[in-house]
N, C-alpha and C. Protein backbone atom coordinates (compact mmCIF):
# COMPACT_ATOMS: atom_id res chain seq x y z
N MET A 1 0.84 -1.20 0.00
CA MET A 1 0.00 0.00 0.00
C MET A 1 0.87 1.24 0.00
N ASN A 2 0.45 2.24 -0.80
CA ASN A 2 1.17 3.52 -0.83
C ASN A 2 0.63 4.42 0.28
N PHE A 3 1.41 4.64 1.32
CA PHE A 3 0.93 5.39 2.47
C PHE A 3 1.05 6.89 2.22
N ASN A 4 0.15 7.39 1.38
CA ASN A 4 0.09 8.83 1.19
C ASN A 4 -0.86 9.42 2.22
N GLY A 5 -1.06 10.76 2.14
CA GLY A 5 -1.90 11.42 3.13
C GLY A 5 -3.31 10.88 3.19
N LYS A 6 -3.89 10.61 2.04
CA LYS A 6 -5.28 10.11 1.99
C LYS A 6 -5.42 8.78 2.70
N ASN A 7 -4.47 7.87 2.47
CA ASN A 7 -4.52 6.55 3.11
C ASN A 7 -4.37 6.66 4.63
N LEU A 8 -3.50 7.55 5.08
CA LEU A 8 -3.32 7.73 6.52
C LEU A 8 -4.59 8.27 7.18
N ILE A 9 -5.28 9.17 6.50
CA ILE A 9 -6.55 9.69 7.02
C ILE A 9 -7.59 8.58 7.13
N ILE A 10 -7.65 7.73 6.11
CA ILE A 10 -8.61 6.61 6.12
C ILE A 10 -8.29 5.63 7.26
N ILE A 11 -7.01 5.28 7.40
CA ILE A 11 -6.60 4.35 8.46
C ILE A 11 -6.91 4.91 9.83
N GLY A 12 -6.58 6.19 10.05
CA GLY A 12 -6.86 6.82 11.34
C GLY A 12 -8.35 6.87 11.64
N SER A 13 -9.17 7.14 10.62
CA SER A 13 -10.62 7.19 10.80
C SER A 13 -11.19 5.82 11.15
N ILE A 14 -10.65 4.78 10.50
CA ILE A 14 -11.11 3.41 10.78
C ILE A 14 -10.77 3.02 12.22
N LEU A 15 -9.53 3.31 12.63
CA LEU A 15 -9.11 2.99 13.99
C LEU A 15 -9.95 3.73 15.03
N PHE A 16 -10.24 5.01 14.75
CA PHE A 16 -11.06 5.79 15.67
C PHE A 16 -12.48 5.22 15.76
N SER A 17 -13.03 4.81 14.62
CA SER A 17 -14.38 4.21 14.61
C SER A 17 -14.41 2.89 15.35
N LEU A 18 -13.35 2.08 15.18
CA LEU A 18 -13.30 0.78 15.86
C LEU A 18 -13.22 0.93 17.38
N GLN A 19 -12.47 1.93 17.85
CA GLN A 19 -12.36 2.09 19.29
C GLN A 19 -13.68 2.62 19.88
N LEU A 20 -14.44 3.39 19.10
CA LEU A 20 -15.77 3.83 19.55
C LEU A 20 -16.74 2.65 19.63
N ILE A 21 -16.67 1.78 18.61
CA ILE A 21 -17.54 0.58 18.61
C ILE A 21 -17.18 -0.32 19.78
N ASN A 22 -15.87 -0.48 19.98
CA ASN A 22 -15.41 -1.32 21.10
C ASN A 22 -15.90 -0.76 22.45
N PHE A 23 -15.84 0.57 22.58
CA PHE A 23 -16.27 1.22 23.83
C PHE A 23 -17.77 1.02 24.07
N ALA A 24 -18.55 1.02 22.98
CA ALA A 24 -20.00 0.88 23.10
C ALA A 24 -20.41 -0.51 23.59
N PHE A 25 -19.58 -1.52 23.33
CA PHE A 25 -19.93 -2.90 23.70
C PHE A 25 -19.25 -3.36 24.99
N ILE A 26 -18.59 -2.46 25.69
CA ILE A 26 -17.97 -2.82 26.97
C ILE A 26 -19.04 -2.84 28.07
N ASN A 27 -19.12 -3.97 28.80
CA ASN A 27 -20.14 -4.10 29.85
C ASN A 27 -19.74 -3.38 31.14
N GLN A 28 -18.46 -3.46 31.46
CA GLN A 28 -18.00 -2.86 32.70
C GLN A 28 -16.76 -2.00 32.43
N ILE A 29 -16.84 -0.74 32.83
CA ILE A 29 -15.74 0.19 32.56
C ILE A 29 -14.86 0.31 33.79
N SER A 30 -13.59 0.06 33.58
CA SER A 30 -12.61 0.19 34.66
C SER A 30 -11.64 1.31 34.30
N PRO A 31 -10.89 1.82 35.26
CA PRO A 31 -9.91 2.88 34.97
C PRO A 31 -8.90 2.47 33.88
N GLU A 32 -8.54 1.17 33.89
CA GLU A 32 -7.59 0.69 32.87
C GLU A 32 -8.19 0.78 31.47
N ILE A 33 -9.46 0.40 31.35
CA ILE A 33 -10.14 0.45 30.05
C ILE A 33 -10.30 1.91 29.60
N GLU A 34 -10.62 2.79 30.51
CA GLU A 34 -10.77 4.21 30.18
C GLU A 34 -9.46 4.78 29.63
N ARG A 35 -8.36 4.43 30.31
CA ARG A 35 -7.05 4.92 29.85
C ARG A 35 -6.72 4.37 28.45
N ALA A 36 -7.03 3.09 28.26
CA ALA A 36 -6.75 2.46 26.96
C ALA A 36 -7.57 3.12 25.85
N GLN A 37 -8.84 3.44 26.15
CA GLN A 37 -9.71 4.08 25.16
C GLN A 37 -9.22 5.49 24.81
N VAL A 38 -8.81 6.22 25.85
CA VAL A 38 -8.31 7.58 25.61
C VAL A 38 -7.04 7.54 24.76
N LEU A 39 -6.13 6.62 25.09
CA LEU A 39 -4.89 6.49 24.32
C LEU A 39 -5.18 6.09 22.87
N ALA A 40 -6.13 5.17 22.68
CA ALA A 40 -6.50 4.72 21.33
C ALA A 40 -7.09 5.88 20.53
N ALA A 41 -7.94 6.69 21.18
CA ALA A 41 -8.56 7.83 20.50
C ALA A 41 -7.51 8.86 20.10
N ILE A 42 -6.60 9.15 21.04
CA ILE A 42 -5.54 10.13 20.76
C ILE A 42 -4.64 9.65 19.63
N SER A 43 -4.30 8.36 19.65
CA SER A 43 -3.44 7.78 18.60
C SER A 43 -4.11 7.89 17.23
N SER A 44 -5.41 7.60 17.18
CA SER A 44 -6.15 7.67 15.92
C SER A 44 -6.19 9.09 15.39
N ILE A 45 -6.42 10.05 16.28
CA ILE A 45 -6.48 11.46 15.88
C ILE A 45 -5.12 11.93 15.38
N ILE A 46 -4.05 11.49 16.04
CA ILE A 46 -2.70 11.87 15.60
C ILE A 46 -2.42 11.34 14.20
N ILE A 47 -2.84 10.09 13.93
CA ILE A 47 -2.65 9.51 12.59
C ILE A 47 -3.40 10.32 11.54
N ILE A 48 -4.65 10.74 11.88
CA ILE A 48 -5.44 11.54 10.95
C ILE A 48 -4.77 12.89 10.69
N LEU A 49 -4.27 13.53 11.74
CA LEU A 49 -3.60 14.82 11.60
C LEU A 49 -2.33 14.71 10.76
N ILE A 50 -1.57 13.62 10.97
CA ILE A 50 -0.36 13.39 10.16
C ILE A 50 -0.76 13.23 8.69
N GLY A 51 -1.87 12.55 8.46
CA GLY A 51 -2.36 12.37 7.09
C GLY A 51 -2.68 13.69 6.41
N PHE A 52 -3.37 14.59 7.15
CA PHE A 52 -3.67 15.91 6.60
C PHE A 52 -2.41 16.70 6.33
N LEU A 53 -1.44 16.61 7.25
CA LEU A 53 -0.18 17.33 7.10
C LEU A 53 0.60 16.80 5.90
N PHE A 54 0.66 15.48 5.77
CA PHE A 54 1.37 14.84 4.66
C PHE A 54 0.73 15.22 3.33
N LYS A 55 -0.60 15.26 3.30
CA LYS A 55 -1.32 15.60 2.09
C LYS A 55 -1.06 17.03 1.67
N ARG A 56 -0.90 17.91 2.68
CA ARG A 56 -0.65 19.32 2.41
C ARG A 56 0.76 19.54 1.90
N ILE A 57 1.72 18.81 2.48
CA ILE A 57 3.12 18.97 2.09
C ILE A 57 3.38 18.35 0.72
N SER A 58 2.78 17.18 0.46
CA SER A 58 3.01 16.46 -0.79
C SER A 58 1.71 16.32 -1.57
N PRO A 59 1.23 17.38 -2.23
CA PRO A 59 -0.01 17.30 -2.98
C PRO A 59 0.10 16.30 -4.12
N ILE A 60 -0.97 15.60 -4.36
CA ILE A 60 -0.98 14.57 -5.39
C ILE A 60 -1.00 15.21 -6.77
N SER A 61 -0.11 14.79 -7.63
CA SER A 61 -0.07 15.35 -8.98
C SER A 61 -1.24 14.84 -9.80
N GLY A 62 -1.57 15.58 -10.83
CA GLY A 62 -2.68 15.19 -11.69
C GLY A 62 -2.31 14.03 -12.61
N GLU A 63 -3.27 13.65 -13.43
CA GLU A 63 -3.04 12.54 -14.36
C GLU A 63 -2.14 12.99 -15.51
N LYS A 64 -1.37 12.05 -16.01
CA LYS A 64 -0.46 12.33 -17.11
C LYS A 64 -1.25 12.70 -18.36
N VAL A 65 -0.82 13.77 -19.01
CA VAL A 65 -1.50 14.27 -20.20
C VAL A 65 -0.77 13.79 -21.45
N SER A 66 -1.55 13.50 -22.49
CA SER A 66 -0.96 13.11 -23.76
C SER A 66 -0.67 14.37 -24.56
N LEU A 67 0.59 14.76 -24.59
CA LEU A 67 0.99 16.00 -25.25
C LEU A 67 1.27 15.79 -26.74
N LYS A 68 0.94 16.81 -27.52
CA LYS A 68 1.13 16.73 -28.96
C LYS A 68 2.53 17.22 -29.34
N GLY A 69 3.14 16.49 -30.25
CA GLY A 69 4.48 16.87 -30.71
C GLY A 69 5.37 15.67 -30.88
N GLU A 70 6.47 15.89 -31.57
CA GLU A 70 7.44 14.83 -31.83
C GLU A 70 8.52 14.83 -30.74
N ASN A 71 9.03 13.65 -30.45
CA ASN A 71 10.13 13.53 -29.50
C ASN A 71 11.43 13.82 -30.24
N GLY A 72 12.12 14.86 -29.83
CA GLY A 72 13.32 15.22 -30.58
C GLY A 72 14.35 15.96 -29.75
N PHE A 73 15.45 16.29 -30.42
CA PHE A 73 16.56 17.02 -29.80
C PHE A 73 17.11 17.98 -30.85
N ILE A 74 16.77 19.26 -30.69
CA ILE A 74 17.18 20.29 -31.64
C ILE A 74 18.03 21.32 -30.92
N TYR A 75 19.17 21.68 -31.52
CA TYR A 75 20.04 22.66 -30.88
C TYR A 75 20.71 23.55 -31.92
N ASP A 76 21.14 24.70 -31.47
CA ASP A 76 21.81 25.68 -32.33
C ASP A 76 23.24 25.24 -32.58
N SER A 77 23.64 25.19 -33.83
CA SER A 77 24.98 24.72 -34.19
C SER A 77 26.09 25.66 -33.73
N SER A 78 25.72 26.89 -33.35
CA SER A 78 26.74 27.84 -32.91
C SER A 78 27.12 27.69 -31.44
N ILE A 79 26.45 26.80 -30.73
CA ILE A 79 26.75 26.59 -29.31
C ILE A 79 28.14 25.98 -29.17
N PRO A 80 29.02 26.54 -28.34
CA PRO A 80 30.35 25.96 -28.10
C PRO A 80 30.23 24.54 -27.58
N LYS A 81 31.19 23.68 -27.96
CA LYS A 81 31.11 22.26 -27.63
C LYS A 81 31.01 22.01 -26.12
N VAL A 82 31.79 22.75 -25.33
CA VAL A 82 31.76 22.56 -23.88
C VAL A 82 30.36 22.83 -23.34
N LEU A 83 29.75 23.91 -23.83
CA LEU A 83 28.41 24.27 -23.39
C LEU A 83 27.38 23.28 -23.90
N LEU A 84 27.54 22.85 -25.15
CA LEU A 84 26.60 21.88 -25.73
C LEU A 84 26.63 20.56 -24.97
N ASP A 85 27.82 20.11 -24.60
CA ASP A 85 27.94 18.87 -23.83
C ASP A 85 27.18 18.98 -22.50
N GLU A 86 27.31 20.13 -21.86
CA GLU A 86 26.63 20.34 -20.58
C GLU A 86 25.12 20.41 -20.78
N LEU A 87 24.67 21.10 -21.81
CA LEU A 87 23.24 21.21 -22.10
C LEU A 87 22.64 19.85 -22.46
N ALA A 88 23.40 19.06 -23.21
CA ALA A 88 22.92 17.73 -23.60
C ALA A 88 22.78 16.83 -22.38
N TRP A 89 23.80 16.86 -21.51
CA TRP A 89 23.76 16.04 -20.29
C TRP A 89 22.63 16.48 -19.37
N GLY A 90 22.56 17.79 -19.12
CA GLY A 90 21.57 18.30 -18.17
C GLY A 90 20.14 18.10 -18.64
N SER A 91 19.88 18.36 -19.91
CA SER A 91 18.52 18.20 -20.43
C SER A 91 18.08 16.73 -20.39
N GLU A 92 19.02 15.84 -20.70
CA GLU A 92 18.72 14.41 -20.63
C GLU A 92 18.42 13.99 -19.20
N ALA A 93 19.19 14.50 -18.24
CA ALA A 93 18.99 14.17 -16.83
C ALA A 93 17.62 14.65 -16.35
N ILE A 94 17.23 15.84 -16.75
CA ILE A 94 15.94 16.39 -16.35
C ILE A 94 14.80 15.56 -16.92
N LEU A 95 14.90 15.18 -18.19
CA LEU A 95 13.83 14.43 -18.84
C LEU A 95 13.71 13.00 -18.31
N THR A 96 14.80 12.44 -17.85
CA THR A 96 14.77 11.05 -17.38
C THR A 96 14.62 10.93 -15.86
N SER A 97 14.99 11.98 -15.13
CA SER A 97 14.97 11.89 -13.67
C SER A 97 13.81 12.63 -13.01
N THR A 98 13.09 13.43 -13.78
CA THR A 98 11.95 14.17 -13.24
C THR A 98 10.72 13.89 -14.10
N ALA A 99 9.62 14.58 -13.79
CA ALA A 99 8.38 14.40 -14.56
C ALA A 99 8.33 15.34 -15.76
N ALA A 100 9.47 15.86 -16.17
CA ALA A 100 9.53 16.78 -17.31
C ALA A 100 9.23 16.04 -18.62
N ALA A 101 8.44 16.69 -19.47
CA ALA A 101 8.12 16.13 -20.79
C ALA A 101 8.90 16.84 -21.89
N THR A 102 9.23 18.10 -21.63
CA THR A 102 9.90 18.89 -22.66
C THR A 102 10.74 19.98 -22.01
N ILE A 103 11.79 20.37 -22.69
CA ILE A 103 12.68 21.42 -22.18
C ILE A 103 13.12 22.31 -23.34
N LEU A 104 13.19 23.59 -23.06
CA LEU A 104 13.62 24.57 -24.05
C LEU A 104 14.54 25.57 -23.37
N ILE A 105 15.60 25.98 -24.07
CA ILE A 105 16.48 27.01 -23.54
C ILE A 105 16.50 28.16 -24.54
N ASN A 106 16.18 29.35 -24.04
CA ASN A 106 16.11 30.54 -24.88
C ASN A 106 17.21 31.51 -24.44
N ASN A 107 18.01 31.95 -25.41
CA ASN A 107 19.11 32.86 -25.12
C ASN A 107 18.96 34.12 -25.98
N ASN A 108 18.72 35.24 -25.31
CA ASN A 108 18.59 36.52 -25.99
C ASN A 108 17.50 36.49 -27.08
N GLY A 109 16.38 35.85 -26.76
CA GLY A 109 15.25 35.78 -27.68
C GLY A 109 15.31 34.65 -28.69
N LYS A 110 16.41 33.89 -28.69
CA LYS A 110 16.58 32.80 -29.66
C LYS A 110 16.54 31.46 -28.96
N ASN A 111 15.76 30.52 -29.51
CA ASN A 111 15.66 29.18 -28.94
C ASN A 111 16.88 28.36 -29.37
N ILE A 112 17.80 28.15 -28.43
CA ILE A 112 19.05 27.48 -28.78
C ILE A 112 18.99 25.98 -28.53
N LEU A 113 17.98 25.53 -27.79
CA LEU A 113 17.85 24.08 -27.54
C LEU A 113 16.40 23.71 -27.28
N LYS A 114 15.96 22.62 -27.91
CA LYS A 114 14.65 22.02 -27.63
C LYS A 114 14.87 20.52 -27.48
N ARG A 115 14.25 19.95 -26.47
CA ARG A 115 14.41 18.51 -26.27
C ARG A 115 13.18 17.93 -25.59
N GLY A 116 12.88 16.68 -25.92
CA GLY A 116 11.69 16.02 -25.40
C GLY A 116 10.56 16.13 -26.41
N ILE A 117 9.36 16.48 -25.95
CA ILE A 117 8.25 16.71 -26.87
C ILE A 117 8.46 18.08 -27.51
N VAL A 118 8.83 18.07 -28.78
CA VAL A 118 9.24 19.29 -29.47
C VAL A 118 8.14 19.80 -30.39
N SER A 119 7.82 21.08 -30.28
CA SER A 119 6.86 21.72 -31.17
C SER A 119 7.59 22.26 -32.39
N ASN A 120 6.91 22.23 -33.54
CA ASN A 120 7.52 22.77 -34.75
C ASN A 120 7.30 24.28 -34.88
N LYS A 121 6.63 24.87 -33.89
CA LYS A 121 6.40 26.31 -33.89
C LYS A 121 7.55 27.03 -33.19
N ASN A 122 7.73 28.28 -33.52
CA ASN A 122 8.79 29.08 -32.92
C ASN A 122 8.27 29.74 -31.65
N PHE A 123 8.82 29.35 -30.52
CA PHE A 123 8.38 29.93 -29.25
C PHE A 123 8.98 31.32 -29.07
N ILE A 124 8.09 32.28 -28.74
CA ILE A 124 8.53 33.65 -28.48
C ILE A 124 8.18 33.99 -27.03
N PRO A 125 9.17 34.28 -26.20
CA PRO A 125 8.89 34.60 -24.79
C PRO A 125 8.07 35.88 -24.66
N LYS A 126 7.10 35.83 -23.74
CA LYS A 126 6.24 36.99 -23.51
C LYS A 126 6.25 37.34 -22.02
N ASP A 127 5.12 37.78 -21.51
CA ASP A 127 5.07 38.37 -20.17
C ASP A 127 5.70 37.53 -19.07
N ILE A 128 5.32 36.24 -18.99
CA ILE A 128 5.78 35.41 -17.88
C ILE A 128 7.29 35.18 -17.95
N CYS A 129 7.78 34.81 -19.12
CA CYS A 129 9.21 34.55 -19.27
C CYS A 129 10.03 35.84 -19.13
N LEU A 130 9.49 36.94 -19.67
CA LEU A 130 10.20 38.21 -19.56
C LEU A 130 10.25 38.70 -18.11
N ARG A 131 9.19 38.41 -17.36
CA ARG A 131 9.20 38.76 -15.93
C ARG A 131 10.24 37.94 -15.18
N CYS A 132 10.38 36.67 -15.57
CA CYS A 132 11.39 35.80 -14.97
C CYS A 132 12.78 36.40 -15.16
N LEU A 133 13.06 36.90 -16.37
CA LEU A 133 14.36 37.50 -16.66
C LEU A 133 14.54 38.83 -15.93
N LYS A 134 13.50 39.66 -15.96
CA LYS A 134 13.58 40.98 -15.35
C LYS A 134 13.82 40.92 -13.85
N GLU A 135 13.09 40.00 -13.18
CA GLU A 135 13.19 39.88 -11.73
C GLU A 135 14.25 38.86 -11.30
N ASN A 136 14.84 38.17 -12.32
CA ASN A 136 15.81 37.10 -12.04
C ASN A 136 15.22 36.12 -11.01
N LYS A 137 13.99 35.70 -11.29
CA LYS A 137 13.22 34.93 -10.33
C LYS A 137 12.64 33.68 -10.96
N PHE A 138 12.82 32.57 -10.27
CA PHE A 138 12.25 31.28 -10.68
C PHE A 138 10.72 31.34 -10.60
N ILE A 139 10.04 30.88 -11.66
CA ILE A 139 8.58 30.88 -11.69
C ILE A 139 8.07 29.46 -11.89
N SER A 140 7.11 29.06 -11.06
CA SER A 140 6.50 27.73 -11.16
C SER A 140 5.01 27.86 -11.36
N LEU A 141 4.51 27.29 -12.45
CA LEU A 141 3.08 27.24 -12.73
C LEU A 141 2.65 25.79 -12.55
N VAL A 142 2.08 25.47 -11.38
CA VAL A 142 1.74 24.08 -11.08
C VAL A 142 0.54 23.60 -11.89
N ASN A 143 -0.29 24.54 -12.36
CA ASN A 143 -1.44 24.19 -13.19
C ASN A 143 -1.70 25.35 -14.14
N THR A 144 -1.24 25.22 -15.37
CA THR A 144 -1.35 26.31 -16.35
C THR A 144 -2.79 26.64 -16.71
N LYS A 145 -3.68 25.69 -16.49
CA LYS A 145 -5.09 25.89 -16.83
C LYS A 145 -5.69 27.07 -16.08
N PHE A 146 -5.24 27.30 -14.85
CA PHE A 146 -5.81 28.35 -14.03
C PHE A 146 -4.88 29.57 -13.89
N TYR A 147 -3.86 29.65 -14.74
CA TYR A 147 -2.92 30.75 -14.63
C TYR A 147 -3.11 31.73 -15.79
N PRO A 148 -3.44 32.99 -15.49
CA PRO A 148 -3.63 33.99 -16.55
C PRO A 148 -2.37 34.16 -17.39
N GLY A 149 -2.54 34.17 -18.70
CA GLY A 149 -1.41 34.38 -19.60
C GLY A 149 -0.68 33.12 -19.98
N SER A 150 -1.18 31.95 -19.56
CA SER A 150 -0.47 30.69 -19.84
C SER A 150 -0.51 30.32 -21.33
N GLU A 151 -1.36 31.01 -22.11
CA GLU A 151 -1.38 30.76 -23.55
C GLU A 151 -0.04 31.13 -24.19
N GLU A 152 0.79 31.84 -23.45
CA GLU A 152 2.14 32.16 -23.88
C GLU A 152 2.92 30.90 -24.25
N PHE A 153 2.57 29.77 -23.62
CA PHE A 153 3.33 28.53 -23.80
C PHE A 153 2.73 27.60 -24.86
N ASP A 154 1.71 28.07 -25.59
CA ASP A 154 1.09 27.23 -26.62
C ASP A 154 2.09 26.83 -27.71
N ASP A 155 2.99 27.75 -28.07
CA ASP A 155 3.99 27.44 -29.10
C ASP A 155 5.18 26.67 -28.54
N PHE A 156 5.27 26.61 -27.23
CA PHE A 156 6.29 25.80 -26.56
C PHE A 156 5.86 24.35 -26.54
N CYS A 157 4.66 24.11 -26.00
CA CYS A 157 4.08 22.76 -25.97
C CYS A 157 2.59 22.92 -25.69
N LYS A 158 1.77 22.66 -26.68
CA LYS A 158 0.33 22.89 -26.59
C LYS A 158 -0.29 22.11 -25.42
N ASP A 159 -1.07 22.83 -24.60
CA ASP A 159 -1.80 22.24 -23.47
C ASP A 159 -0.89 21.63 -22.40
N VAL A 160 0.33 22.11 -22.30
CA VAL A 160 1.24 21.59 -21.26
C VAL A 160 0.63 21.92 -19.89
N PRO A 161 0.48 20.95 -18.98
CA PRO A 161 -0.23 21.18 -17.73
C PRO A 161 0.54 21.94 -16.66
N SER A 162 1.87 21.88 -16.68
CA SER A 162 2.66 22.60 -15.68
C SER A 162 3.96 23.08 -16.31
N VAL A 163 4.46 24.19 -15.78
CA VAL A 163 5.64 24.82 -16.38
C VAL A 163 6.57 25.37 -15.30
N LEU A 164 7.87 25.23 -15.54
CA LEU A 164 8.89 25.87 -14.73
C LEU A 164 9.67 26.82 -15.63
N VAL A 165 9.91 28.04 -15.15
CA VAL A 165 10.74 29.00 -15.88
C VAL A 165 11.88 29.39 -14.96
N ILE A 166 13.11 29.08 -15.39
CA ILE A 166 14.29 29.28 -14.53
C ILE A 166 15.29 30.18 -15.24
N PRO A 167 15.62 31.32 -14.66
CA PRO A 167 16.60 32.22 -15.30
C PRO A 167 18.03 31.67 -15.17
N ILE A 168 18.81 31.83 -16.23
CA ILE A 168 20.23 31.49 -16.19
C ILE A 168 21.04 32.77 -15.97
N ASN A 169 20.70 33.78 -16.75
CA ASN A 169 21.28 35.11 -16.56
C ASN A 169 20.24 36.14 -16.99
N LYS A 170 20.63 37.36 -17.31
CA LYS A 170 19.67 38.41 -17.62
C LYS A 170 19.00 38.25 -18.98
N ILE A 171 19.55 37.40 -19.84
CA ILE A 171 18.98 37.25 -21.19
C ILE A 171 18.65 35.80 -21.54
N CYS A 172 18.94 34.87 -20.64
CA CYS A 172 18.78 33.46 -20.95
C CYS A 172 17.98 32.74 -19.86
N PHE A 173 17.08 31.83 -20.27
CA PHE A 173 16.29 31.09 -19.29
C PHE A 173 16.01 29.67 -19.78
N ILE A 174 15.68 28.81 -18.82
CA ILE A 174 15.29 27.42 -19.10
C ILE A 174 13.78 27.33 -18.94
N LEU A 175 13.13 26.68 -19.89
CA LEU A 175 11.68 26.48 -19.84
C LEU A 175 11.42 24.97 -19.82
N ILE A 176 10.72 24.51 -18.81
CA ILE A 176 10.47 23.07 -18.65
C ILE A 176 8.97 22.82 -18.51
N GLY A 177 8.46 21.89 -19.29
CA GLY A 177 7.05 21.52 -19.20
C GLY A 177 6.90 20.13 -18.62
N GLY A 178 5.92 19.96 -17.72
CA GLY A 178 5.70 18.67 -17.07
C GLY A 178 4.55 17.89 -17.68
N TRP A 179 4.56 16.58 -17.43
CA TRP A 179 3.53 15.70 -17.97
C TRP A 179 2.17 15.91 -17.30
N SER A 180 2.17 16.42 -16.08
CA SER A 180 0.92 16.58 -15.33
C SER A 180 1.00 17.79 -14.42
N THR A 181 -0.13 18.14 -13.80
CA THR A 181 -0.13 19.24 -12.85
C THR A 181 0.58 18.82 -11.56
N ARG A 182 1.23 19.76 -10.91
CA ARG A 182 1.92 19.54 -9.62
C ARG A 182 2.89 18.35 -9.68
N CYS A 183 3.55 18.19 -10.81
CA CYS A 183 4.38 16.99 -10.98
C CYS A 183 5.83 17.18 -10.52
N PHE A 184 6.25 18.42 -10.33
CA PHE A 184 7.64 18.66 -9.94
C PHE A 184 7.76 18.76 -8.42
N THR A 185 8.67 18.00 -7.86
CA THR A 185 8.89 18.03 -6.42
C THR A 185 9.84 19.17 -6.06
N LYS A 186 9.93 19.47 -4.77
CA LYS A 186 10.85 20.50 -4.30
C LYS A 186 12.30 20.13 -4.62
N SER A 187 12.62 18.83 -4.54
CA SER A 187 13.98 18.39 -4.85
C SER A 187 14.28 18.55 -6.34
N ASP A 188 13.25 18.34 -7.21
CA ASP A 188 13.41 18.57 -8.65
C ASP A 188 13.76 20.03 -8.90
N GLU A 189 12.98 20.91 -8.29
CA GLU A 189 13.17 22.34 -8.48
C GLU A 189 14.55 22.78 -7.99
N LYS A 190 14.96 22.26 -6.84
CA LYS A 190 16.27 22.62 -6.28
C LYS A 190 17.39 22.15 -7.19
N TRP A 191 17.27 20.94 -7.73
CA TRP A 191 18.30 20.39 -8.62
C TRP A 191 18.41 21.24 -9.88
N ILE A 192 17.27 21.61 -10.46
CA ILE A 192 17.27 22.41 -11.69
C ILE A 192 17.83 23.81 -11.43
N LEU A 193 17.49 24.38 -10.30
CA LEU A 193 18.02 25.70 -9.95
C LEU A 193 19.54 25.67 -9.81
N ASN A 194 20.05 24.61 -9.20
CA ASN A 194 21.51 24.48 -9.05
C ASN A 194 22.17 24.29 -10.41
N TRP A 195 21.50 23.56 -11.30
CA TRP A 195 22.04 23.37 -12.65
C TRP A 195 22.09 24.70 -13.39
N SER A 196 21.06 25.53 -13.21
CA SER A 196 21.03 26.84 -13.89
C SER A 196 22.20 27.71 -13.43
N LYS A 197 22.59 27.59 -12.17
CA LYS A 197 23.74 28.36 -11.65
C LYS A 197 25.04 27.88 -12.30
N LYS A 198 25.12 26.57 -12.50
CA LYS A 198 26.29 26.02 -13.18
C LYS A 198 26.34 26.50 -14.63
N LEU A 199 25.19 26.53 -15.29
CA LEU A 199 25.12 27.00 -16.68
C LEU A 199 25.51 28.47 -16.78
N GLN A 200 25.13 29.25 -15.79
CA GLN A 200 25.48 30.67 -15.79
C GLN A 200 27.00 30.85 -15.88
N ILE A 201 27.74 30.03 -15.17
CA ILE A 201 29.20 30.10 -15.17
C ILE A 201 29.74 29.69 -16.54
N ILE A 202 29.19 28.59 -17.09
CA ILE A 202 29.69 28.09 -18.38
C ILE A 202 29.36 29.06 -19.51
N PHE A 203 28.16 29.65 -19.48
CA PHE A 203 27.79 30.66 -20.48
C PHE A 203 28.78 31.82 -20.45
N LYS A 204 29.11 32.27 -19.24
CA LYS A 204 30.00 33.41 -19.08
C LYS A 204 31.41 33.07 -19.57
N GLU A 205 31.88 31.88 -19.22
CA GLU A 205 33.23 31.47 -19.61
C GLU A 205 33.37 31.35 -21.13
N ASN A 206 32.27 31.01 -21.79
CA ASN A 206 32.30 30.83 -23.25
C ASN A 206 31.76 32.03 -24.02
N ASN A 207 31.48 33.12 -23.29
CA ASN A 207 30.98 34.36 -23.91
C ASN A 207 29.81 34.09 -24.85
N PHE A 208 28.88 33.30 -24.34
CA PHE A 208 27.73 32.92 -25.18
C PHE A 208 26.45 33.48 -24.60
């Protein structure tokens, strides 16, 4: 059994109900039985509370979406070999180690790398991506369906359910689309952010 928050809430509720039923059928109540019932009730409530806490910390991701596009790897031939090797390794790691379906890197308005589910349309960064660059701030859209302006990503990957936008420097950012809503964990985000810092150094060293 997968002990997620929902399952813990169910188990705690069952245990609490059983101890109430048990209490109702007791013929003679002694101090020992009272203490046992109180402890059982408290234990059940604690399990239920842990379940709610677990559910809040680790929200369940949505169902995997069937995204339109070809699986490919497209890159700009002008990218220096050292940088290209790093981009190839990092993008592959993201696609295989996280719930990412597609990745795009845009440098100074030009899409220098596309990998995963690739659209044949030319993605042009707009408000959300430009805000990411302006504020040098990581942006996470856990559910693009309810986010104003998410149509910006239609040419990136049509109907992509979740998006991460990570700045590399003032003119370059990483765009990652997930297979489902709420699919990226905190550890995924931290790993990608650390990779973006490494890329910032390599971009600078190669004057790219």
